[in-house]
N, C-alpha and C. Protein backbone atom coordinates (compact mmCIF):
# COMPACT_ATOMS: atom_id res chain seq x y z
N MET A 1 0.83 -1.21 0.00
CA MET A 1 0.00 0.00 0.00
C MET A 1 0.87 1.27 0.00
N ARG A 2 2.01 1.23 0.73
CA ARG A 2 2.85 2.42 0.80
C ARG A 2 3.45 2.82 -0.54
N PRO A 3 3.92 1.89 -1.39
CA PRO A 3 4.45 2.31 -2.69
C PRO A 3 3.41 3.04 -3.53
N ILE A 4 2.15 2.59 -3.48
CA ILE A 4 1.09 3.25 -4.27
C ILE A 4 0.86 4.67 -3.74
N THR A 5 0.84 4.80 -2.41
CA THR A 5 0.67 6.14 -1.81
C THR A 5 1.81 7.06 -2.22
N GLY A 6 3.04 6.53 -2.22
CA GLY A 6 4.19 7.34 -2.63
C GLY A 6 4.11 7.77 -4.08
N VAL A 7 3.60 6.90 -4.94
CA VAL A 7 3.45 7.26 -6.36
C VAL A 7 2.44 8.38 -6.52
N PHE A 8 1.28 8.26 -5.84
CA PHE A 8 0.27 9.32 -5.94
C PHE A 8 0.77 10.64 -5.38
N ARG A 9 1.48 10.57 -4.25
CA ARG A 9 2.00 11.79 -3.64
C ARG A 9 3.03 12.45 -4.56
N GLY A 10 3.91 11.64 -5.17
CA GLY A 10 4.90 12.19 -6.09
C GLY A 10 4.26 12.79 -7.32
N THR A 11 3.22 12.13 -7.84
CA THR A 11 2.51 12.66 -9.01
C THR A 11 1.82 13.98 -8.68
N LYS A 12 1.22 14.04 -7.50
CA LYS A 12 0.54 15.28 -7.08
C LYS A 12 1.54 16.43 -6.95
N ASN A 13 2.67 16.19 -6.28
CA ASN A 13 3.67 17.23 -6.09
C ASN A 13 4.24 17.69 -7.43
N THR A 14 4.48 16.76 -8.34
CA THR A 14 4.99 17.12 -9.66
C THR A 14 3.97 17.96 -10.42
N SER A 15 2.70 17.60 -10.30
CA SER A 15 1.64 18.36 -10.99
C SER A 15 1.54 19.78 -10.45
N VAL A 16 1.65 19.92 -9.13
CA VAL A 16 1.60 21.26 -8.53
C VAL A 16 2.79 22.10 -9.03
N GLY A 17 3.95 21.48 -9.07
CA GLY A 17 5.12 22.21 -9.55
C GLY A 17 5.02 22.60 -11.01
N MET A 18 4.51 21.69 -11.85
CA MET A 18 4.35 22.01 -13.27
C MET A 18 3.29 23.08 -13.49
N ALA A 19 2.22 23.06 -12.67
CA ALA A 19 1.19 24.09 -12.79
C ALA A 19 1.77 25.47 -12.46
N THR A 20 2.59 25.54 -11.43
CA THR A 20 3.24 26.81 -11.08
C THR A 20 4.14 27.28 -12.21
N THR A 21 4.90 26.36 -12.80
CA THR A 21 5.78 26.72 -13.91
C THR A 21 4.99 27.22 -15.11
N LEU A 22 3.89 26.54 -15.44
CA LEU A 22 3.08 26.95 -16.59
C LEU A 22 2.39 28.29 -16.36
N ARG A 23 1.95 28.56 -15.11
CA ARG A 23 1.35 29.86 -14.81
C ARG A 23 2.36 30.97 -15.02
N ALA A 24 3.60 30.75 -14.58
CA ALA A 24 4.64 31.76 -14.78
C ALA A 24 5.02 31.89 -16.25
N PHE A 25 5.00 30.77 -16.98
CA PHE A 25 5.40 30.79 -18.38
C PHE A 25 4.41 31.57 -19.24
N PHE A 26 3.12 31.40 -18.98
CA PHE A 26 2.10 32.08 -19.78
C PHE A 26 1.63 33.39 -19.14
N GLY A 27 2.20 33.75 -18.01
CA GLY A 27 1.81 34.99 -17.35
C GLY A 27 2.50 36.20 -17.97
N LYS A 28 2.24 37.34 -17.37
CA LYS A 28 2.81 38.60 -17.87
C LYS A 28 4.29 38.66 -17.54
N ASN A 29 5.09 39.06 -18.52
CA ASN A 29 6.53 39.22 -18.30
C ASN A 29 6.81 40.47 -17.49
N ILE A 30 7.71 40.35 -16.54
CA ILE A 30 8.14 41.50 -15.73
C ILE A 30 9.60 41.77 -16.06
N THR A 31 9.84 42.90 -16.70
CA THR A 31 11.19 43.25 -17.11
C THR A 31 11.78 44.24 -16.12
N GLU A 32 12.88 43.89 -15.53
CA GLU A 32 13.58 44.79 -14.62
C GLU A 32 14.44 45.74 -15.44
N GLN A 33 14.27 47.02 -15.27
CA GLN A 33 15.02 48.03 -16.03
C GLN A 33 16.33 48.38 -15.32
N TYR A 34 17.01 47.33 -14.87
CA TYR A 34 18.29 47.54 -14.19
C TYR A 34 19.37 47.75 -15.25
N PRO A 35 20.32 48.67 -15.09
CA PRO A 35 20.58 49.49 -13.90
C PRO A 35 19.97 50.88 -13.94
N GLU A 36 19.13 51.19 -14.95
CA GLU A 36 18.56 52.53 -15.03
C GLU A 36 17.58 52.77 -13.89
N VAL A 37 16.79 51.77 -13.54
CA VAL A 37 15.83 51.88 -12.44
C VAL A 37 16.12 50.76 -11.47
N LYS A 38 16.20 51.11 -10.19
CA LYS A 38 16.56 50.12 -9.18
C LYS A 38 15.51 50.09 -8.09
N HIS A 39 15.28 48.90 -7.56
CA HIS A 39 14.35 48.77 -6.45
C HIS A 39 15.00 49.27 -5.17
N PRO A 40 14.25 49.96 -4.32
CA PRO A 40 14.84 50.41 -3.05
C PRO A 40 15.09 49.22 -2.13
N VAL A 41 16.11 49.35 -1.32
CA VAL A 41 16.39 48.30 -0.35
C VAL A 41 15.61 48.58 0.93
N MET A 42 15.53 47.58 1.80
CA MET A 42 14.82 47.75 3.06
C MET A 42 15.62 48.69 3.97
N PRO A 43 14.95 49.39 4.88
CA PRO A 43 15.66 50.37 5.71
C PRO A 43 16.80 49.79 6.53
N ARG A 44 16.67 48.55 6.99
CA ARG A 44 17.71 47.95 7.82
C ARG A 44 18.66 47.07 7.01
N PHE A 45 18.69 47.27 5.70
CA PHE A 45 19.59 46.52 4.84
C PHE A 45 21.04 46.82 5.21
N ARG A 46 21.89 45.80 5.19
CA ARG A 46 23.30 45.98 5.54
C ARG A 46 24.14 45.85 4.27
N GLY A 47 24.71 46.95 3.84
CA GLY A 47 25.54 46.98 2.64
C GLY A 47 26.93 47.52 2.93
N ARG A 48 27.40 48.42 2.09
CA ARG A 48 28.75 48.96 2.18
C ARG A 48 28.99 49.66 3.52
N HIS A 49 30.15 49.43 4.11
CA HIS A 49 30.51 50.06 5.38
C HIS A 49 30.85 51.53 5.17
N LYS A 50 30.69 52.30 6.23
CA LYS A 50 31.07 53.71 6.20
C LYS A 50 31.58 54.11 7.57
N LEU A 51 32.72 54.79 7.59
CA LEU A 51 33.26 55.37 8.82
C LEU A 51 32.74 56.80 8.94
N HIS A 52 32.43 57.22 10.16
CA HIS A 52 31.83 58.53 10.38
C HIS A 52 32.76 59.46 11.14
N ARG A 53 32.46 60.75 11.02
CA ARG A 53 33.18 61.80 11.75
C ARG A 53 32.22 62.52 12.69
N HIS A 54 32.80 63.19 13.69
CA HIS A 54 32.02 64.08 14.54
C HIS A 54 31.69 65.35 13.76
N ALA A 55 30.82 66.17 14.34
CA ALA A 55 30.44 67.41 13.67
C ALA A 55 31.62 68.36 13.52
N ASN A 56 32.61 68.25 14.42
CA ASN A 56 33.78 69.13 14.34
C ASN A 56 34.85 68.60 13.39
N GLY A 57 34.59 67.47 12.72
CA GLY A 57 35.53 66.94 11.74
C GLY A 57 36.42 65.84 12.25
N LEU A 58 36.48 65.63 13.56
CA LEU A 58 37.31 64.56 14.09
C LEU A 58 36.66 63.20 13.83
N GLU A 59 37.48 62.20 13.62
CA GLU A 59 36.96 60.86 13.35
C GLU A 59 36.38 60.26 14.63
N LYS A 60 35.30 59.51 14.47
CA LYS A 60 34.70 58.84 15.62
C LYS A 60 35.50 57.60 16.03
N CYS A 61 36.18 56.98 15.07
CA CYS A 61 36.94 55.76 15.36
C CYS A 61 38.16 56.10 16.20
N VAL A 62 38.34 55.38 17.31
CA VAL A 62 39.48 55.60 18.19
C VAL A 62 40.47 54.45 18.12
N GLY A 63 40.32 53.57 17.15
CA GLY A 63 41.27 52.47 16.97
C GLY A 63 41.25 51.44 18.07
N CYS A 64 40.08 51.19 18.67
CA CYS A 64 40.01 50.23 19.77
C CYS A 64 40.01 48.78 19.29
N SER A 65 39.75 48.54 18.02
CA SER A 65 39.76 47.21 17.39
C SER A 65 38.65 46.29 17.91
N LEU A 66 37.62 46.84 18.54
CA LEU A 66 36.51 45.99 18.96
C LEU A 66 35.75 45.43 17.76
N CYS A 67 35.70 46.20 16.68
CA CYS A 67 35.03 45.70 15.47
C CYS A 67 35.79 44.53 14.89
N ALA A 68 37.11 44.62 14.88
CA ALA A 68 37.92 43.53 14.35
C ALA A 68 37.80 42.29 15.23
N ALA A 69 37.69 42.49 16.54
CA ALA A 69 37.55 41.35 17.44
C ALA A 69 36.19 40.68 17.29
N ALA A 70 35.15 41.46 16.99
CA ALA A 70 33.80 40.90 16.87
C ALA A 70 33.54 40.29 15.50
N CYS A 71 34.38 40.58 14.52
CA CYS A 71 34.13 40.12 13.15
C CYS A 71 34.35 38.62 13.04
N PRO A 72 33.32 37.84 12.68
CA PRO A 72 33.49 36.39 12.57
C PRO A 72 34.26 35.98 11.32
N ALA A 73 34.32 36.86 10.32
CA ALA A 73 35.04 36.54 9.08
C ALA A 73 36.48 36.99 9.12
N ASP A 74 36.88 37.69 10.18
CA ASP A 74 38.25 38.19 10.33
C ASP A 74 38.67 39.00 9.10
N CYS A 75 37.80 39.93 8.69
CA CYS A 75 38.10 40.71 7.49
C CYS A 75 38.45 42.15 7.79
N ILE A 76 38.49 42.55 9.07
CA ILE A 76 38.79 43.93 9.44
C ILE A 76 40.19 43.99 10.03
N ARG A 77 40.97 44.95 9.58
CA ARG A 77 42.34 45.17 10.10
C ARG A 77 42.44 46.61 10.58
N VAL A 78 42.79 46.76 11.85
CA VAL A 78 42.91 48.08 12.47
C VAL A 78 44.29 48.21 13.09
N VAL A 79 44.99 49.28 12.75
CA VAL A 79 46.28 49.60 13.36
C VAL A 79 46.12 50.98 14.00
N ALA A 80 46.30 51.04 15.30
CA ALA A 80 46.07 52.29 16.04
C ALA A 80 47.38 53.03 16.29
N ASP A 81 47.24 54.33 16.50
CA ASP A 81 48.38 55.18 16.84
C ASP A 81 47.88 56.24 17.82
N GLU A 82 48.82 56.88 18.52
CA GLU A 82 48.46 57.86 19.54
C GLU A 82 48.19 59.23 18.92
N ASN A 83 47.16 59.91 19.43
CA ASN A 83 46.92 61.29 19.05
C ASN A 83 47.93 62.20 19.74
N THR A 84 48.32 63.24 19.09
CA THR A 84 49.19 64.26 19.68
C THR A 84 48.51 65.61 19.55
N ASP A 85 49.04 66.60 20.26
CA ASP A 85 48.47 67.95 20.16
C ASP A 85 48.65 68.52 18.76
N ASP A 86 49.75 68.14 18.12
CA ASP A 86 49.99 68.64 16.76
C ASP A 86 49.17 67.88 15.72
N ASN A 87 48.90 66.63 15.99
CA ASN A 87 48.18 65.80 15.03
C ASN A 87 47.02 65.10 15.74
N ARG A 88 45.89 65.80 15.87
CA ARG A 88 44.71 65.21 16.50
C ARG A 88 43.75 64.77 15.41
N VAL A 89 43.54 63.45 15.34
CA VAL A 89 42.69 62.87 14.30
C VAL A 89 41.33 62.49 14.84
N SER A 90 41.30 61.93 16.05
CA SER A 90 40.03 61.51 16.66
C SER A 90 39.85 62.21 18.00
N ALA A 91 38.68 62.01 18.59
CA ALA A 91 38.40 62.65 19.88
C ALA A 91 39.01 61.90 21.05
N GLY A 92 39.45 60.67 20.85
CA GLY A 92 40.02 59.89 21.92
C GLY A 92 41.53 60.04 22.01
N GLU A 93 42.13 59.15 22.81
CA GLU A 93 43.59 59.18 22.96
C GLU A 93 44.28 58.58 21.74
N ARG A 94 43.60 57.65 21.06
CA ARG A 94 44.20 57.00 19.90
C ARG A 94 43.29 57.17 18.69
N TYR A 95 43.82 56.84 17.54
CA TYR A 95 43.03 56.85 16.31
C TYR A 95 43.51 55.70 15.42
N ALA A 96 42.72 55.37 14.45
CA ALA A 96 43.06 54.28 13.54
C ALA A 96 43.90 54.84 12.40
N THR A 97 45.18 54.56 12.44
CA THR A 97 46.03 55.00 11.33
C THR A 97 45.83 54.12 10.10
N VAL A 98 45.46 52.85 10.31
CA VAL A 98 45.11 51.94 9.22
C VAL A 98 43.77 51.30 9.57
N TYR A 99 42.82 51.37 8.66
CA TYR A 99 41.52 50.72 8.83
C TYR A 99 41.16 50.12 7.48
N GLU A 100 41.18 48.81 7.41
CA GLU A 100 40.90 48.12 6.15
C GLU A 100 39.84 47.05 6.35
N ILE A 101 38.97 46.91 5.37
CA ILE A 101 37.96 45.85 5.36
C ILE A 101 38.08 45.10 4.04
N ASN A 102 38.27 43.79 4.14
CA ASN A 102 38.32 42.95 2.95
C ASN A 102 36.88 42.56 2.61
N MET A 103 36.30 43.26 1.64
CA MET A 103 34.90 43.05 1.30
C MET A 103 34.64 41.69 0.66
N SER A 104 35.67 41.07 0.12
CA SER A 104 35.46 39.74 -0.47
C SER A 104 35.27 38.67 0.61
N ARG A 105 35.63 38.97 1.85
CA ARG A 105 35.44 38.04 2.96
C ARG A 105 34.28 38.43 3.87
N CYS A 106 33.86 39.68 3.81
CA CYS A 106 32.82 40.18 4.70
C CYS A 106 31.50 39.46 4.44
N ILE A 107 30.80 39.09 5.52
CA ILE A 107 29.50 38.43 5.40
C ILE A 107 28.36 39.38 5.77
N PHE A 108 28.66 40.66 6.01
CA PHE A 108 27.67 41.70 6.26
C PHE A 108 26.72 41.33 7.40
N CYS A 109 27.32 40.82 8.48
CA CYS A 109 26.53 40.41 9.64
C CYS A 109 26.16 41.58 10.53
N GLY A 110 26.90 42.68 10.45
CA GLY A 110 26.61 43.85 11.28
C GLY A 110 27.22 43.80 12.66
N TYR A 111 28.04 42.77 12.97
CA TYR A 111 28.65 42.69 14.29
C TYR A 111 29.61 43.85 14.55
N CYS A 112 30.25 44.35 13.50
CA CYS A 112 31.21 45.45 13.68
C CYS A 112 30.51 46.71 14.17
N GLU A 113 29.36 47.04 13.59
CA GLU A 113 28.66 48.25 14.04
C GLU A 113 28.01 48.05 15.40
N MET A 114 27.64 46.81 15.75
CA MET A 114 27.08 46.57 17.08
C MET A 114 28.16 46.62 18.15
N ALA A 115 29.39 46.22 17.78
CA ALA A 115 30.47 46.21 18.77
C ALA A 115 31.06 47.59 18.99
N CYS A 116 30.91 48.50 18.04
CA CYS A 116 31.54 49.83 18.14
C CYS A 116 30.85 50.68 19.20
N PRO A 117 31.56 51.14 20.21
CA PRO A 117 30.93 51.93 21.26
C PRO A 117 30.69 53.39 20.87
N PHE A 118 31.23 53.83 19.74
CA PHE A 118 31.13 55.24 19.35
C PHE A 118 30.33 55.44 18.06
N ASP A 119 29.66 54.41 17.56
CA ASP A 119 28.93 54.49 16.29
C ASP A 119 29.83 55.01 15.18
N ALA A 120 31.08 54.56 15.19
CA ALA A 120 32.04 55.03 14.20
C ALA A 120 31.85 54.35 12.87
N ILE A 121 31.37 53.11 12.85
CA ILE A 121 31.18 52.38 11.61
C ILE A 121 29.75 51.90 11.52
N THR A 122 29.16 52.08 10.35
CA THR A 122 27.82 51.60 10.09
C THR A 122 27.80 50.93 8.72
N LEU A 123 26.79 50.11 8.51
CA LEU A 123 26.59 49.48 7.22
C LEU A 123 25.44 50.18 6.53
N GLY A 124 25.72 50.74 5.36
CA GLY A 124 24.72 51.52 4.64
C GLY A 124 23.91 50.68 3.68
N ASN A 125 23.35 51.33 2.66
CA ASN A 125 22.45 50.68 1.72
C ASN A 125 23.08 50.43 0.36
N ASP A 126 24.37 50.72 0.21
CA ASP A 126 25.03 50.52 -1.08
C ASP A 126 25.41 49.05 -1.21
N TRP A 127 24.88 48.37 -2.22
CA TRP A 127 25.09 46.93 -2.36
C TRP A 127 25.84 46.55 -3.63
N GLU A 128 26.11 47.49 -4.50
CA GLU A 128 26.79 47.17 -5.76
C GLU A 128 28.29 47.22 -5.55
N LEU A 129 28.84 46.11 -5.08
CA LEU A 129 30.24 46.08 -4.67
C LEU A 129 31.07 45.10 -5.49
N ALA A 130 30.50 44.51 -6.52
CA ALA A 130 31.23 43.50 -7.28
C ALA A 130 32.40 44.13 -8.03
N ASP A 131 33.45 43.35 -8.19
CA ASP A 131 34.63 43.81 -8.91
C ASP A 131 35.32 42.62 -9.54
N LEU A 132 36.13 42.89 -10.55
CA LEU A 132 36.85 41.83 -11.24
C LEU A 132 38.22 41.57 -10.64
N ASN A 133 38.66 42.43 -9.73
CA ASN A 133 39.98 42.33 -9.14
C ASN A 133 39.83 42.25 -7.62
N ARG A 134 40.42 41.23 -7.01
CA ARG A 134 40.30 41.07 -5.56
C ARG A 134 41.00 42.19 -4.80
N ASP A 135 42.05 42.76 -5.38
CA ASP A 135 42.74 43.86 -4.70
C ASP A 135 41.83 45.08 -4.54
N GLN A 136 40.90 45.25 -5.47
CA GLN A 136 39.97 46.38 -5.37
C GLN A 136 38.92 46.16 -4.30
N MET A 137 38.81 44.95 -3.78
CA MET A 137 37.80 44.65 -2.77
C MET A 137 38.28 44.96 -1.36
N ILE A 138 39.51 45.39 -1.20
CA ILE A 138 40.02 45.81 0.11
C ILE A 138 39.78 47.31 0.24
N TYR A 139 38.83 47.66 1.08
CA TYR A 139 38.46 49.06 1.27
C TYR A 139 39.34 49.68 2.35
N THR A 140 40.00 50.76 2.01
CA THR A 140 40.90 51.44 2.95
C THR A 140 40.13 52.48 3.76
N LYS A 141 40.83 53.09 4.69
CA LYS A 141 40.20 54.07 5.58
C LYS A 141 39.68 55.28 4.79
N SER A 142 40.45 55.74 3.81
CA SER A 142 40.01 56.90 3.03
C SER A 142 38.76 56.56 2.22
N MET A 143 38.66 55.34 1.74
CA MET A 143 37.47 54.93 0.99
C MET A 143 36.26 54.83 1.91
N LEU A 144 36.46 54.36 3.13
CA LEU A 144 35.34 54.19 4.06
C LEU A 144 34.89 55.51 4.65
N LEU A 145 35.79 56.48 4.78
CA LEU A 145 35.41 57.80 5.29
C LEU A 145 34.65 58.60 4.25
N ALA A 146 34.93 58.35 2.97
CA ALA A 146 34.26 59.09 1.90
C ALA A 146 32.87 58.54 1.66
N ASP A 147 32.01 59.37 1.06
CA ASP A 147 30.69 58.90 0.69
C ASP A 147 30.80 57.88 -0.43
N PRO A 148 29.86 56.95 -0.53
CA PRO A 148 29.90 55.98 -1.63
C PRO A 148 29.89 56.71 -2.97
N PRO A 149 30.62 56.19 -3.95
CA PRO A 149 30.67 56.87 -5.25
C PRO A 149 29.32 56.86 -5.94
N THR A 150 29.08 57.90 -6.75
CA THR A 150 27.81 57.96 -7.48
C THR A 150 27.86 57.13 -8.75
N SER A 151 29.05 56.80 -9.22
CA SER A 151 29.17 55.94 -10.40
C SER A 151 30.41 55.08 -10.23
N ASP A 152 30.39 53.91 -10.85
CA ASP A 152 31.53 53.03 -10.76
C ASP A 152 32.56 53.39 -11.84
N ARG A 153 33.62 52.63 -11.89
CA ARG A 153 34.70 52.97 -12.83
C ARG A 153 34.31 52.77 -14.29
N TYR A 154 33.21 52.07 -14.54
CA TYR A 154 32.75 51.85 -15.91
C TYR A 154 31.70 52.88 -16.33
N GLY A 155 31.42 53.84 -15.43
CA GLY A 155 30.46 54.89 -15.75
C GLY A 155 29.02 54.53 -15.46
N MET A 156 28.78 53.39 -14.81
CA MET A 156 27.41 53.00 -14.48
C MET A 156 26.92 53.83 -13.29
N ASN A 157 25.70 54.35 -13.38
CA ASN A 157 25.13 55.16 -12.32
C ASN A 157 24.75 54.26 -11.15
N ARG A 158 25.36 54.52 -9.99
CA ARG A 158 25.08 53.72 -8.80
C ARG A 158 24.01 54.34 -7.92
N ARG A 159 23.49 55.49 -8.32
CA ARG A 159 22.44 56.15 -7.54
C ARG A 159 21.22 56.39 -8.42
N ALA A 160 20.89 55.42 -9.25
CA ALA A 160 19.73 55.58 -10.13
C ALA A 160 18.46 55.65 -9.30
N VAL A 161 17.44 56.30 -9.87
CA VAL A 161 16.19 56.45 -9.13
C VAL A 161 15.48 55.11 -9.05
N THR A 162 14.61 54.99 -8.07
CA THR A 162 13.82 53.77 -7.91
C THR A 162 12.53 53.89 -8.71
N LEU A 163 11.71 52.85 -8.68
CA LEU A 163 10.45 52.86 -9.41
C LEU A 163 9.52 53.96 -8.91
N ASP A 164 9.66 54.34 -7.64
CA ASP A 164 8.82 55.40 -7.08
C ASP A 164 9.39 56.78 -7.32
N GLY A 165 10.56 56.86 -7.95
CA GLY A 165 11.18 58.15 -8.22
C GLY A 165 12.07 58.64 -7.10
N ASP A 166 12.24 57.85 -6.05
CA ASP A 166 13.08 58.26 -4.94
C ASP A 166 14.51 57.80 -5.18
N GLY A 167 15.45 58.37 -4.45
CA GLY A 167 16.83 57.92 -4.53
C GLY A 167 16.99 56.54 -3.92
N LEU A 168 18.03 55.85 -4.31
CA LEU A 168 18.21 54.47 -3.84
C LEU A 168 18.60 54.42 -2.37
N ASP A 169 19.49 55.30 -1.95
CA ASP A 169 20.05 55.19 -0.61
C ASP A 169 19.44 56.20 0.34
N SER A 170 19.26 55.79 1.58
CA SER A 170 18.91 56.73 2.62
C SER A 170 20.19 57.31 3.20
N ALA A 171 20.07 58.48 3.79
CA ALA A 171 21.28 59.14 4.30
C ALA A 171 21.88 58.39 5.48
N LEU A 172 21.05 57.84 6.33
CA LEU A 172 21.52 57.15 7.53
C LEU A 172 20.71 55.88 7.75
N PRO A 173 21.32 54.88 8.36
CA PRO A 173 20.52 53.72 8.77
C PRO A 173 19.45 54.15 9.77
N VAL A 174 18.36 53.40 9.82
CA VAL A 174 17.23 53.79 10.65
C VAL A 174 17.63 53.91 12.12
N TRP A 175 18.39 52.96 12.62
CA TRP A 175 18.72 52.97 14.04
C TRP A 175 19.66 54.11 14.41
N LEU A 176 20.34 54.71 13.41
CA LEU A 176 21.29 55.77 13.71
C LEU A 176 20.64 57.14 13.79
N GLU A 177 19.39 57.26 13.33
CA GLU A 177 18.73 58.56 13.35
C GLU A 177 18.59 59.09 14.78
N GLU A 178 18.31 58.19 15.73
CA GLU A 178 18.17 58.63 17.12
C GLU A 178 19.50 59.15 17.66
N THR A 179 20.60 58.49 17.29
CA THR A 179 21.91 58.94 17.74
C THR A 179 22.25 60.31 17.18
N VAL A 180 21.94 60.52 15.90
CA VAL A 180 22.21 61.82 15.27
C VAL A 180 21.37 62.90 15.93
N ALA A 181 20.11 62.59 16.21
CA ALA A 181 19.25 63.57 16.88
C ALA A 181 19.77 63.91 18.27
N ARG A 182 20.29 62.90 18.98
CA ARG A 182 20.83 63.13 20.32
C ARG A 182 22.07 64.01 20.25
N GLU A 183 22.96 63.72 19.28
CA GLU A 183 24.18 64.51 19.16
C GLU A 183 23.88 65.95 18.76
N SER A 184 22.95 66.15 17.84
CA SER A 184 22.63 67.51 17.43
C SER A 184 21.94 68.26 18.57
N GLY A 185 21.17 67.53 19.41
CA GLY A 185 20.56 68.16 20.57
C GLY A 185 21.59 68.58 21.60
N GLU A 186 22.65 67.77 21.79
CA GLU A 186 23.71 68.12 22.73
C GLU A 186 24.48 69.33 22.24
N ARG A 187 24.68 69.45 20.93
CA ARG A 187 25.41 70.60 20.39
C ARG A 187 24.62 71.90 20.55
N SER A 188 23.28 71.80 20.42
CA SER A 188 22.46 73.00 20.52
C SER A 188 22.09 73.33 21.97
N GLY A 189 22.47 72.47 22.91
CA GLY A 189 22.20 72.74 24.31
C GLY A 189 20.93 72.09 24.84
N THR A 190 20.18 71.42 23.97
CA THR A 190 18.98 70.70 24.40
C THR A 190 19.03 69.30 23.85
N ASP A 191 18.37 68.39 24.52
CA ASP A 191 18.29 67.04 24.00
C ASP A 191 16.98 66.89 23.23
N PRO A 192 16.78 65.80 22.50
CA PRO A 192 15.58 65.65 21.68
C PRO A 192 14.28 65.72 22.45
N THR A 193 14.31 65.52 23.77
CA THR A 193 13.06 65.61 24.55
C THR A 193 12.71 67.05 24.91
N GLY A 194 13.63 67.99 24.58
CA GLY A 194 13.34 69.39 24.86
C GLY A 194 13.94 69.90 26.14
N ARG A 195 14.59 69.05 26.93
CA ARG A 195 15.19 69.49 28.17
C ARG A 195 16.50 70.20 27.89
N LYS A 196 16.87 71.09 28.74
CA LYS A 196 18.14 71.81 28.60
C LYS A 196 19.30 70.88 28.86
N GLY A 197 20.35 71.01 28.04
CA GLY A 197 21.54 70.19 28.24
C GLY A 197 22.45 70.80 29.27
N LYS A 198 23.59 70.15 29.45
CA LYS A 198 24.55 70.66 30.42
C LYS A 198 25.20 71.92 29.89
N SER A 199 25.35 72.89 30.77
CA SER A 199 25.98 74.14 30.36
C SER A 199 27.42 74.19 30.81
């Protein structure tokens, strides 16, 4: 009895699969107009990394290497150096003189931004990172501090509009908006709740 049941079950599953295939085959074609038009990514999408600065221009990264320690793919390399009065790069005692991320090894887990105590590194919405050369996949500190490029080396527009007419990337990840609001409130003397800050 079991072999007969297995035959009927297999025939039923095959029929369901073929029906789905035929519906898609005779249905309306959906043509993606990539790369001229791009679908927006979700707000919490984790893409290209970005290092941030304070409002006064100093780097937020203090070279603590917590991001490198938390990285399960071991793709982050941080070399720290001491700040001096003549050469102040970050707000802390040290700064990252070398900050490199090997994007060909990165799994975009977000552990680096969760481990950072200063919100110095975040993962943005830029996802077009493919390259033909592995050496180009190692992002240096200057590349991470700069905004993502608007076009790649082949002239392809990396900030094409979406189907709704909006830009592809948001300025900040969703969870970082509260931090930015808090910092701007501290600079103006009030916090986002309207209370007076420390004088």
